[in-house]
Protein backbone atom coordinates (compact mmCIF):
# COMPACT_ATOMS: atom_id res chain seq x y z
CA MET A 1 -26.37 12.57 -31.24
CA ARG A 2 -22.96 13.04 -29.49
CA VAL A 3 -20.42 10.53 -29.11
CA TYR A 4 -19.95 11.84 -25.33
CA ASP A 5 -23.20 10.68 -24.75
CA ILE A 6 -22.84 7.10 -25.88
CA ILE A 7 -19.79 6.83 -24.04
CA TYR A 8 -21.06 8.07 -21.05
CA LYS A 9 -24.66 5.98 -21.24
CA LYS A 10 -22.61 2.62 -21.84
CA ARG A 11 -20.00 3.36 -18.97
CA ASN A 12 -23.13 3.87 -16.44
CA GLY A 13 -24.58 0.70 -17.49
CA GLY A 14 -27.26 1.66 -19.86
CA SER A 15 -28.54 -0.36 -23.01
CA LEU A 16 -27.60 1.12 -26.24
CA SER A 17 -30.20 1.83 -28.80
CA LYS A 18 -29.57 0.60 -32.84
CA LYS A 19 -28.95 3.92 -33.56
CA GLU A 20 -26.22 5.04 -31.35
CA ILE A 21 -24.39 1.49 -31.87
CA GLU A 22 -24.66 2.48 -35.68
CA HIS A 23 -23.55 6.20 -35.18
CA MET A 24 -20.59 4.64 -32.93
CA VAL A 25 -19.32 2.39 -35.47
CA PHE A 26 -20.08 4.10 -38.56
CA ASN A 27 -18.36 7.29 -37.56
CA TYR A 28 -15.12 5.52 -36.25
CA ASN A 29 -15.06 3.78 -39.54
CA ASN A 30 -15.02 6.70 -41.76
CA GLY A 31 -12.48 8.50 -39.04
CA ALA A 32 -14.87 11.16 -37.44
CA VAL A 33 -14.67 9.50 -33.95
CA PRO A 34 -11.04 9.50 -33.02
CA ASP A 35 -9.42 6.60 -31.43
CA TYR A 36 -9.56 7.90 -27.79
CA GLN A 37 -13.42 8.20 -27.85
CA ALA A 38 -13.57 4.41 -29.70
CA SER A 39 -11.44 3.05 -27.00
CA ALA A 40 -13.55 4.75 -23.94
CA PHE A 41 -16.44 2.98 -25.84
CA LEU A 42 -14.68 -0.22 -26.30
CA MET A 43 -13.31 -0.22 -22.54
CA ALA A 44 -17.40 0.56 -21.71
CA VAL A 45 -18.40 -2.06 -23.38
CA PHE A 46 -15.40 -4.51 -21.78
CA LEU A 47 -16.65 -3.44 -18.36
CA LYS A 48 -20.58 -3.25 -18.85
CA GLY A 49 -21.38 -5.92 -21.29
CA MET A 50 -24.03 -6.00 -23.66
CA ASP A 51 -27.75 -7.55 -24.11
CA ASP A 52 -28.18 -9.95 -27.14
CA GLU A 53 -30.12 -7.28 -29.38
CA GLU A 54 -26.77 -5.13 -28.13
CA ILE A 55 -24.63 -7.56 -29.74
CA PHE A 56 -26.98 -8.09 -32.72
CA ASN A 57 -27.23 -4.47 -33.49
CA LEU A 58 -23.15 -4.26 -33.11
CA THR A 59 -22.09 -7.07 -35.57
CA GLU A 60 -24.97 -5.60 -38.07
CA ALA A 61 -23.85 -2.31 -37.81
CA MET A 62 -20.02 -3.96 -38.33
CA ILE A 63 -21.40 -5.71 -41.35
CA ASN A 64 -22.71 -2.92 -43.12
CA SER A 65 -19.28 -1.02 -42.88
CA GLY A 66 -18.08 -2.86 -45.83
CA ASP A 67 -19.72 -5.28 -48.31
CA VAL A 68 -21.24 -8.66 -48.04
CA LEU A 69 -20.54 -11.47 -50.36
CA ASP A 70 -22.88 -12.89 -52.32
CA LEU A 71 -22.00 -16.57 -53.35
CA SER A 72 -24.56 -17.51 -55.17
CA ARG A 73 -22.46 -17.40 -58.44
CA PHE A 74 -20.66 -20.37 -57.71
CA ASP A 75 -23.78 -22.68 -57.73
CA LEU A 76 -21.85 -24.91 -55.15
CA PRO A 77 -22.94 -25.06 -51.00
CA SER A 78 -20.64 -22.87 -49.10
CA ALA A 79 -18.87 -23.47 -45.56
CA ASP A 80 -16.17 -21.62 -43.25
CA LYS A 81 -14.98 -22.72 -39.99
CA HIS A 82 -13.36 -20.33 -37.41
CA SER A 83 -11.17 -21.10 -34.31
CA THR A 84 -11.21 -18.80 -31.41
CA GLY A 85 -7.52 -19.06 -31.45
CA GLY A 86 -4.77 -21.02 -29.68
CA VAL A 87 -1.66 -22.91 -29.71
CA GLY A 88 -0.65 -25.24 -32.37
CA ASP A 89 -4.28 -24.74 -34.01
CA ALA A 90 -3.53 -25.23 -38.04
CA THR A 91 -7.17 -26.90 -38.23
CA SER A 92 -7.79 -23.87 -41.08
CA ILE A 93 -4.96 -25.03 -43.10
CA ILE A 94 -6.34 -28.93 -43.13
CA VAL A 95 -10.15 -28.35 -43.36
CA ALA A 96 -10.56 -25.93 -46.14
CA PRO A 97 -8.85 -27.71 -48.94
CA VAL A 98 -10.70 -31.22 -47.38
CA ALA A 99 -13.99 -29.23 -47.62
CA ALA A 100 -13.25 -28.13 -50.94
CA SER A 101 -12.09 -31.41 -52.44
CA LEU A 102 -15.63 -32.53 -52.19
CA GLY A 103 -17.21 -29.29 -53.82
CA ILE A 104 -17.99 -27.06 -51.08
CA CYS A 105 -17.44 -23.36 -51.38
CA VAL A 106 -14.55 -22.27 -48.81
CA PRO A 107 -14.23 -18.59 -48.08
CA MET A 108 -12.19 -18.30 -45.54
CA MET A 109 -10.48 -14.83 -43.90
CA VAL A 110 -8.42 -15.58 -41.44
CA GLY A 111 -5.81 -13.65 -39.09
CA ARG A 112 -2.35 -13.43 -38.10
CA GLY A 113 -1.09 -14.61 -34.77
CA LEU A 114 -0.55 -12.10 -31.56
CA GLY A 115 1.28 -12.85 -28.36
CA HIS A 116 0.88 -16.54 -27.18
CA THR A 117 -1.45 -17.27 -30.13
CA GLY A 118 -0.37 -18.51 -33.25
CA GLY A 119 -1.94 -16.81 -36.65
CA THR A 120 -2.91 -18.82 -39.84
CA LEU A 121 -1.95 -16.28 -41.95
CA ASP A 122 1.50 -16.23 -40.64
CA LYS A 123 1.80 -20.10 -41.08
CA LEU A 124 0.76 -19.79 -44.67
CA GLU A 125 2.93 -17.02 -45.45
CA SER A 126 5.92 -18.96 -44.34
CA ILE A 127 5.65 -20.22 -47.87
CA PRO A 128 7.35 -18.83 -50.46
CA GLY A 129 5.30 -15.97 -52.75
CA PHE A 130 2.03 -17.17 -50.78
CA ARG A 131 0.05 -13.81 -50.70
CA GLY A 132 -2.47 -13.72 -47.87
CA ASN A 133 -3.60 -9.97 -48.22
CA SER A 134 -6.15 -9.79 -51.46
CA ASP A 135 -8.91 -7.52 -52.20
CA LYS A 136 -12.60 -8.82 -52.94
CA SER A 137 -12.07 -8.95 -56.29
CA GLU A 138 -9.17 -11.27 -56.13
CA PHE A 139 -10.68 -13.20 -53.28
CA LEU A 140 -13.76 -13.99 -55.46
CA GLY A 141 -11.65 -15.43 -58.44
CA TYR A 142 -9.62 -17.59 -55.91
CA LEU A 143 -12.96 -18.96 -54.87
CA GLU A 144 -14.08 -19.66 -58.85
CA TYR A 145 -10.96 -21.00 -59.56
CA ALA A 146 -10.26 -23.28 -56.61
CA GLY A 147 -13.47 -23.41 -54.17
CA ALA A 148 -11.45 -22.33 -51.60
CA ALA A 149 -9.17 -19.52 -50.49
CA ILE A 150 -7.69 -18.42 -47.52
CA ILE A 151 -7.01 -14.77 -46.90
CA GLY A 152 -6.00 -11.66 -44.53
CA GLN A 153 -9.07 -9.41 -43.80
CA THR A 154 -9.77 -7.36 -46.80
CA ALA A 155 -10.57 -3.43 -46.81
CA GLU A 156 -13.59 -4.16 -48.50
CA ILE A 157 -15.24 -6.77 -45.91
CA ALA A 158 -16.29 -5.30 -41.88
CA PRO A 159 -13.65 -2.76 -42.31
CA VAL A 160 -14.33 -1.64 -39.17
CA ASP A 161 -13.17 -4.79 -37.54
CA LYS A 162 -9.71 -4.71 -38.65
CA LYS A 163 -9.48 -1.22 -36.80
CA MET A 164 -11.39 -2.09 -33.92
CA TYR A 165 -9.58 -5.35 -33.07
CA ALA A 166 -6.61 -2.98 -33.31
CA LEU A 167 -7.78 -0.96 -30.72
CA ARG A 168 -8.91 -3.82 -28.57
CA ASP A 169 -5.20 -5.39 -28.41
CA ALA A 170 -3.88 -1.57 -27.24
CA ALA A 171 -6.42 -0.93 -24.81
CA ALA A 172 -6.89 -4.60 -23.03
CA CYS A 173 -10.28 -5.19 -24.12
CA VAL A 174 -9.65 -8.33 -26.53
CA GLU A 175 -11.56 -10.82 -23.75
CA SER A 176 -14.81 -9.94 -24.25
CA ILE A 177 -17.71 -11.89 -24.94
CA PRO A 178 -19.68 -9.04 -26.64
CA LEU A 179 -16.66 -7.52 -28.66
CA ILE A 180 -15.58 -11.20 -29.59
CA CYS A 181 -18.91 -12.22 -31.06
CA ALA A 182 -19.35 -9.55 -32.76
CA SER A 183 -15.71 -9.35 -34.18
CA ILE A 184 -15.82 -12.93 -35.53
CA MET A 185 -19.66 -13.12 -36.56
CA SER A 186 -19.50 -9.61 -38.83
CA LYS A 187 -16.73 -11.19 -40.69
CA LYS A 188 -18.18 -14.40 -40.92
CA ILE A 189 -21.44 -13.41 -42.24
CA ALA A 190 -20.10 -10.68 -44.57
CA ALA A 191 -17.52 -13.49 -45.99
CA GLY A 192 -20.70 -14.94 -47.52
CA ALA A 193 -20.98 -18.78 -46.37
CA LYS A 194 -24.27 -19.92 -45.23
CA ASN A 195 -23.10 -23.00 -42.77
CA LEU A 196 -20.47 -22.06 -40.24
CA VAL A 197 -18.83 -23.84 -38.14
CA LEU A 198 -17.03 -22.61 -34.77
CA ASP A 199 -14.05 -24.22 -32.70
CA VAL A 200 -14.41 -22.17 -29.07
CA LYS A 201 -11.10 -22.89 -27.40
CA THR A 202 -11.45 -23.12 -23.53
CA GLY A 203 -8.57 -23.51 -21.29
CA SER A 204 -4.93 -21.84 -20.45
CA GLY A 205 -4.25 -20.93 -23.99
CA ALA A 206 -7.48 -19.48 -24.97
CA PHE A 207 -8.97 -16.16 -24.56
CA MET A 208 -11.51 -17.72 -22.73
CA LYS A 209 -10.23 -19.52 -19.43
CA ASN A 210 -13.35 -21.70 -18.64
CA ILE A 211 -15.66 -23.68 -20.13
CA GLY A 212 -18.94 -21.80 -18.84
CA ASP A 213 -17.78 -18.56 -20.59
CA SER A 214 -16.81 -20.69 -23.86
CA ILE A 215 -20.38 -22.28 -23.80
CA GLU A 216 -21.59 -18.22 -23.42
CA LEU A 217 -19.77 -17.13 -26.40
CA ALA A 218 -20.79 -20.03 -28.57
CA LYS A 219 -24.32 -19.81 -27.49
CA LYS A 220 -24.30 -16.08 -28.54
CA MET A 221 -22.55 -16.81 -31.79
CA ILE A 222 -25.11 -19.30 -33.08
CA ALA A 223 -27.81 -16.92 -31.81
CA ILE A 224 -26.42 -13.97 -33.93
CA GLY A 225 -25.75 -16.86 -37.02
CA LYS A 226 -29.50 -17.89 -36.48
CA LYS A 227 -30.63 -14.29 -36.92
CA PHE A 228 -28.59 -13.52 -39.93
CA ASN A 229 -30.02 -16.84 -41.43
CA ARG A 230 -26.78 -18.60 -41.15
CA ASN A 231 -26.31 -22.44 -39.98
CA VAL A 232 -24.13 -22.71 -37.08
CA SER A 233 -22.45 -25.25 -35.16
CA ALA A 234 -19.72 -25.05 -32.24
CA LEU A 235 -17.58 -27.34 -30.67
CA ILE A 236 -16.00 -26.41 -27.94
CA THR A 237 -12.55 -27.74 -27.65
CA ASP A 238 -9.62 -27.91 -25.22
CA MET A 239 -6.79 -25.50 -25.23
CA ASN A 240 -5.00 -26.55 -21.66
CA GLU A 241 -2.33 -28.06 -24.17
CA PRO A 242 -1.11 -27.56 -27.48
CA LEU A 243 -3.01 -29.36 -30.46
CA GLY A 244 -0.68 -31.33 -32.33
CA SER A 245 3.35 -31.10 -31.68
CA CYS A 246 4.52 -27.47 -32.92
CA ALA A 247 4.08 -24.59 -32.59
CA GLY A 248 5.65 -21.94 -34.91
CA ASN A 249 4.73 -21.30 -38.31
CA ALA A 250 6.85 -23.02 -40.77
CA LEU A 251 6.75 -25.59 -38.25
CA GLU A 252 3.29 -26.01 -38.18
CA LEU A 253 2.91 -26.07 -41.93
CA LYS A 254 4.73 -28.60 -42.20
CA GLN A 255 3.02 -30.81 -39.65
CA ALA A 256 -0.23 -29.59 -41.32
CA ILE A 257 1.48 -31.02 -44.90
CA GLU A 258 1.83 -34.42 -43.02
CA ILE A 259 -1.52 -34.97 -41.99
CA LEU A 260 -2.91 -33.85 -45.50
CA LYS A 261 -0.25 -36.66 -47.01
CA GLY A 262 -2.07 -39.24 -44.54
CA ASN A 263 1.54 -39.60 -42.94
CA LEU A 264 0.34 -38.37 -38.91
CA LYS A 265 -2.77 -38.90 -37.07
CA ASN A 266 -2.57 -36.91 -34.06
CA ASP A 267 -5.03 -34.68 -32.11
CA LEU A 268 -4.43 -31.94 -34.57
CA TYR A 269 -5.80 -34.17 -37.33
CA GLU A 270 -8.90 -35.59 -35.12
CA LEU A 271 -9.98 -32.26 -34.47
CA SER A 272 -9.58 -31.03 -38.30
CA ALA A 273 -11.63 -34.50 -39.42
CA VAL A 274 -14.30 -33.74 -36.66
CA LEU A 275 -14.84 -29.66 -37.85
CA CYS A 276 -14.60 -30.66 -41.59
CA ALA A 277 -17.26 -33.41 -40.73
CA TYR A 278 -19.59 -30.98 -39.52
CA MET A 279 -18.84 -28.59 -42.52
CA ILE A 280 -19.78 -31.44 -44.78
CA LEU A 281 -22.90 -32.35 -42.71
CA LYS A 282 -24.02 -28.88 -43.03
CA SER A 283 -23.28 -28.64 -47.01
CA GLY A 284 -25.22 -31.94 -47.19
CA LYS A 285 -22.79 -33.60 -48.73
CA ALA A 286 -23.41 -36.34 -46.42
CA ALA A 287 -26.34 -37.77 -44.91
CA THR A 288 -25.07 -38.16 -41.09
CA LEU A 289 -22.04 -37.41 -39.01
CA LYS A 290 -20.08 -40.49 -39.32
CA GLU A 291 -20.76 -40.57 -43.26
CA ALA A 292 -19.45 -36.87 -43.33
CA ARG A 293 -16.50 -38.27 -40.84
CA ALA A 294 -15.76 -40.75 -43.39
CA ALA A 295 -15.66 -38.44 -46.31
CA ALA A 296 -13.17 -36.23 -44.64
CA ASP A 297 -10.97 -39.14 -43.88
CA ARG A 298 -11.43 -40.55 -47.48
CA GLN A 299 -10.26 -37.54 -48.92
CA ILE A 300 -6.98 -37.43 -46.94
CA ASP A 301 -6.51 -40.81 -47.97
CA CYS A 302 -7.02 -40.74 -51.46
CA GLY A 303 -4.91 -37.79 -51.64
CA LYS A 304 -7.62 -35.39 -52.98
CA ALA A 305 -7.21 -33.00 -50.28
CA LEU A 306 -3.34 -32.83 -50.57
CA GLU A 307 -3.93 -31.78 -54.33
CA LYS A 308 -6.37 -29.40 -53.67
CA PHE A 309 -4.02 -27.45 -50.93
CA ARG A 310 -1.56 -27.69 -53.97
CA GLN A 311 -4.17 -25.62 -56.07
CA ILE A 312 -4.72 -23.13 -53.35
CA ILE A 313 -1.07 -22.67 -52.78
CA LYS A 314 -0.36 -21.97 -56.34
CA MET A 315 -3.58 -20.05 -56.67
CA GLN A 316 -2.30 -17.69 -53.94
CA GLY A 317 1.39 -17.17 -55.33
CA GLY A 318 3.24 -19.99 -53.09
CA ASP A 319 5.46 -22.17 -54.32
CA PRO A 320 3.74 -25.57 -54.69
CA LYS A 321 6.70 -27.75 -54.33
CA VAL A 322 6.40 -27.13 -50.46
CA ILE A 323 3.94 -29.94 -50.59
CA ASP A 324 6.68 -32.34 -51.77
CA PHE A 325 10.05 -30.67 -50.66
CA PRO A 326 8.80 -28.72 -47.27
CA ASP A 327 12.46 -29.07 -45.73
CA LYS A 328 13.74 -27.17 -48.93
CA ILE A 329 10.94 -24.41 -49.56
CA LEU A 330 10.43 -23.78 -45.93
CA PRO A 331 12.68 -21.52 -44.13
CA GLN A 332 14.65 -23.41 -41.56
CA ALA A 333 16.04 -22.32 -38.03
CA GLN A 334 19.78 -22.60 -37.55
CA LYS A 335 19.86 -22.68 -33.65
CA SER A 336 17.92 -24.61 -31.29
CA VAL A 337 18.36 -26.21 -27.31
CA LEU A 338 16.78 -29.10 -26.49
CA VAL A 339 14.13 -29.04 -23.46
CA LYS A 340 14.60 -31.57 -20.85
CA ALA A 341 12.45 -33.38 -18.44
CA LEU A 342 13.28 -32.07 -14.91
CA LYS A 343 12.46 -35.58 -12.97
CA THR A 344 11.21 -39.02 -14.03
CA GLY A 345 7.35 -39.47 -14.13
CA TYR A 346 4.32 -39.23 -16.19
CA ILE A 347 3.75 -35.86 -18.06
CA SER A 348 0.03 -34.59 -16.30
CA SER A 349 0.22 -31.48 -18.30
CA ILE A 350 1.71 -29.47 -20.72
CA ASP A 351 0.66 -25.57 -20.35
CA ALA A 352 -0.22 -24.41 -23.47
CA ARG A 353 -0.13 -20.45 -23.10
CA SER A 354 3.70 -21.18 -21.59
CA VAL A 355 4.25 -23.02 -24.82
CA GLY A 356 2.93 -20.32 -27.09
CA ILE A 357 4.82 -17.67 -25.30
CA ALA A 358 8.40 -19.67 -25.37
CA SER A 359 7.62 -19.89 -28.93
CA MET A 360 7.21 -16.13 -29.06
CA MET A 361 10.26 -15.61 -27.67
CA THR A 362 12.41 -17.63 -30.38
CA GLY A 363 10.75 -15.07 -33.11
CA ALA A 364 7.98 -17.36 -34.06
CA GLY A 365 5.44 -14.59 -32.69
CA ARG A 366 5.00 -10.93 -32.05
CA GLU A 367 4.22 -9.13 -28.81
CA LYS A 368 2.89 -6.06 -31.38
CA LYS A 369 1.31 -6.03 -34.60
CA GLU A 370 3.55 -4.46 -35.97
CA ASP A 371 6.51 -6.72 -34.86
CA PRO A 372 8.35 -8.68 -37.36
CA ILE A 373 8.51 -12.69 -36.93
CA ASP A 374 10.80 -15.33 -37.98
CA TYR A 375 8.84 -17.79 -39.72
CA SER A 376 11.15 -20.94 -39.11
CA ALA A 377 11.72 -20.04 -35.31
CA GLY A 378 9.23 -22.29 -32.62
CA ALA A 379 9.11 -25.62 -30.71
CA VAL A 380 8.37 -29.11 -31.47
CA LEU A 381 6.73 -31.01 -28.80
CA TYR A 382 8.43 -34.63 -28.98
CA LYS A 383 6.57 -35.68 -25.70
CA LYS A 384 2.92 -34.97 -24.58
CA THR A 385 0.59 -35.60 -21.86
CA GLY A 386 0.31 -39.09 -20.74
CA ASP A 387 4.14 -40.05 -21.78
CA TYR A 388 6.48 -41.76 -19.45
CA VAL A 389 9.74 -39.73 -19.45
CA LYS A 390 13.04 -40.03 -17.19
CA GLU A 391 14.75 -37.34 -15.74
CA GLY A 392 16.99 -35.87 -18.49
CA GLU A 393 15.40 -37.02 -21.32
CA THR A 394 14.44 -35.15 -24.26
CA VAL A 395 10.82 -33.51 -23.90
CA ALA A 396 11.32 -30.64 -26.52
CA GLU A 397 12.95 -28.59 -28.79
CA LEU A 398 12.94 -24.84 -29.28
CA PHE A 399 14.56 -23.31 -33.07
CA TYR A 400 15.28 -20.09 -33.13
CA ASN A 401 18.08 -17.64 -35.19
CA CYS A 402 18.32 -14.78 -32.35
CA ALA A 403 19.40 -15.78 -28.78
CA ALA A 404 18.06 -12.48 -27.28
CA LYS A 405 15.50 -14.44 -25.26
CA ILE A 406 16.35 -17.97 -25.65
CA GLU A 407 17.08 -18.54 -21.98
CA GLU A 408 14.02 -17.04 -20.72
CA ALA A 409 12.14 -19.34 -23.50
CA LEU A 410 13.43 -22.39 -21.91
CA THR A 411 12.86 -21.57 -18.81
CA VAL A 412 9.13 -21.06 -19.48
CA MET A 413 9.03 -23.92 -21.49
CA ASN A 414 10.51 -26.05 -18.93
CA GLY A 415 7.54 -24.43 -16.56
CA ALA A 416 5.09 -25.76 -19.27
CA TYR A 417 5.94 -29.46 -18.84
CA ALA A 418 4.12 -31.09 -15.24
CA ILE A 419 5.35 -34.46 -14.30
CA SER A 420 3.91 -36.32 -11.47
CA GLU A 421 4.47 -40.38 -10.55
CA GLN A 422 0.58 -41.01 -11.72
CA GLU A 423 -0.31 -41.50 -15.11
CA PRO A 424 -2.95 -38.74 -15.98
CA ALA A 425 -6.60 -39.75 -16.70
CA LYS A 426 -6.87 -39.26 -20.71
CA ASN A 427 -7.85 -35.38 -21.72
CA GLU A 428 -11.34 -34.74 -23.53
CA LEU A 429 -10.64 -33.14 -26.65
CA ILE A 430 -13.81 -32.09 -27.64
CA LYS A 431 -15.85 -30.72 -24.52
CA GLU A 432 -19.21 -30.15 -25.52
CA ILE A 433 -20.82 -29.43 -29.33
CA LEU A 434 -23.57 -26.92 -29.54
CA ASN A 435 -26.17 -26.80 -32.88
């Protein structure tokens, strides 16, 4: 079997067999297929798509490129949550300790930010000493000790996905439903959780810009999960506007801590609580969604979720004092610039992608995977959609240390805010729920 023939067949719109897909995946994983051929294969998939059977076979091959965790040793229900990426999305940092504090095993593998989107791993690594990179043995040890772990992708679990994702990014093949589906589900199934809640973003700040594509992606991931005997729900959620009031690593982490302390209840809190409720319900820790939501709220209000997060931080090498003194422990930017309203009226929208790009320009994000980031940099939104502002009033603030792109970032941030005379209709945070 020749790799050339597999690429040729998919380029011409043919359906690949299970053996052809396995040959491509396994040989790329072991180095027998060079990057230039793998890139051609990914571009062919991007352009011609895959049917459901091909997506299943691709996912299975990616799972089998490494180990599959068996979590039965912990004798606990297991659940995980995954977001398809956005701006200000710190939900994983909130839902993992909430669920774990209720006796749910949460084996969470998360990613780094790229472009306008933030990464959970970067946010956690803004805590001095926090270890996001672990091997399988450490991952299992974390789960045994705290019932939850939030780590980056390991070399043993779906290792080919890490290689393929880097290539997809370099070859402009990220926004492909078959490739996104296989990437997400291979990692989540290999990590072992029996219950999975998907937060599929839709809008300007998401990879899926329209709700139709988001629903299609969600349905395909649910179907894949069913074939692997996983219980999957998907929420289609809005990413036209940033979640919460921050974009940037230490800034978002501090906000998540305030939510876990019970001091802040905004849209980030609301979405986190709903996602967690589905994890709780699927894990059998509540009989109804209403009871599950009440349990999530209770774990935050009584402080148990916060203490679980402290345990996770300490276990993974971070300074647990960040819970009590975030301003002293987390890095702080030395400079800032205010973003002013350009006219009087109601904020009718805040473009999530623009906020993410502006935050990246402050140093909070990376254009290429190898770029360094400034954990202290980013944006804070003081006004959000629906707020009434006067011309010249402060609507946001950009924090930075390097001024190289700050003027450009300010221009982009100004363009993110749309102001009109009419008060906008209330936006629905959760568009659809699929089970």
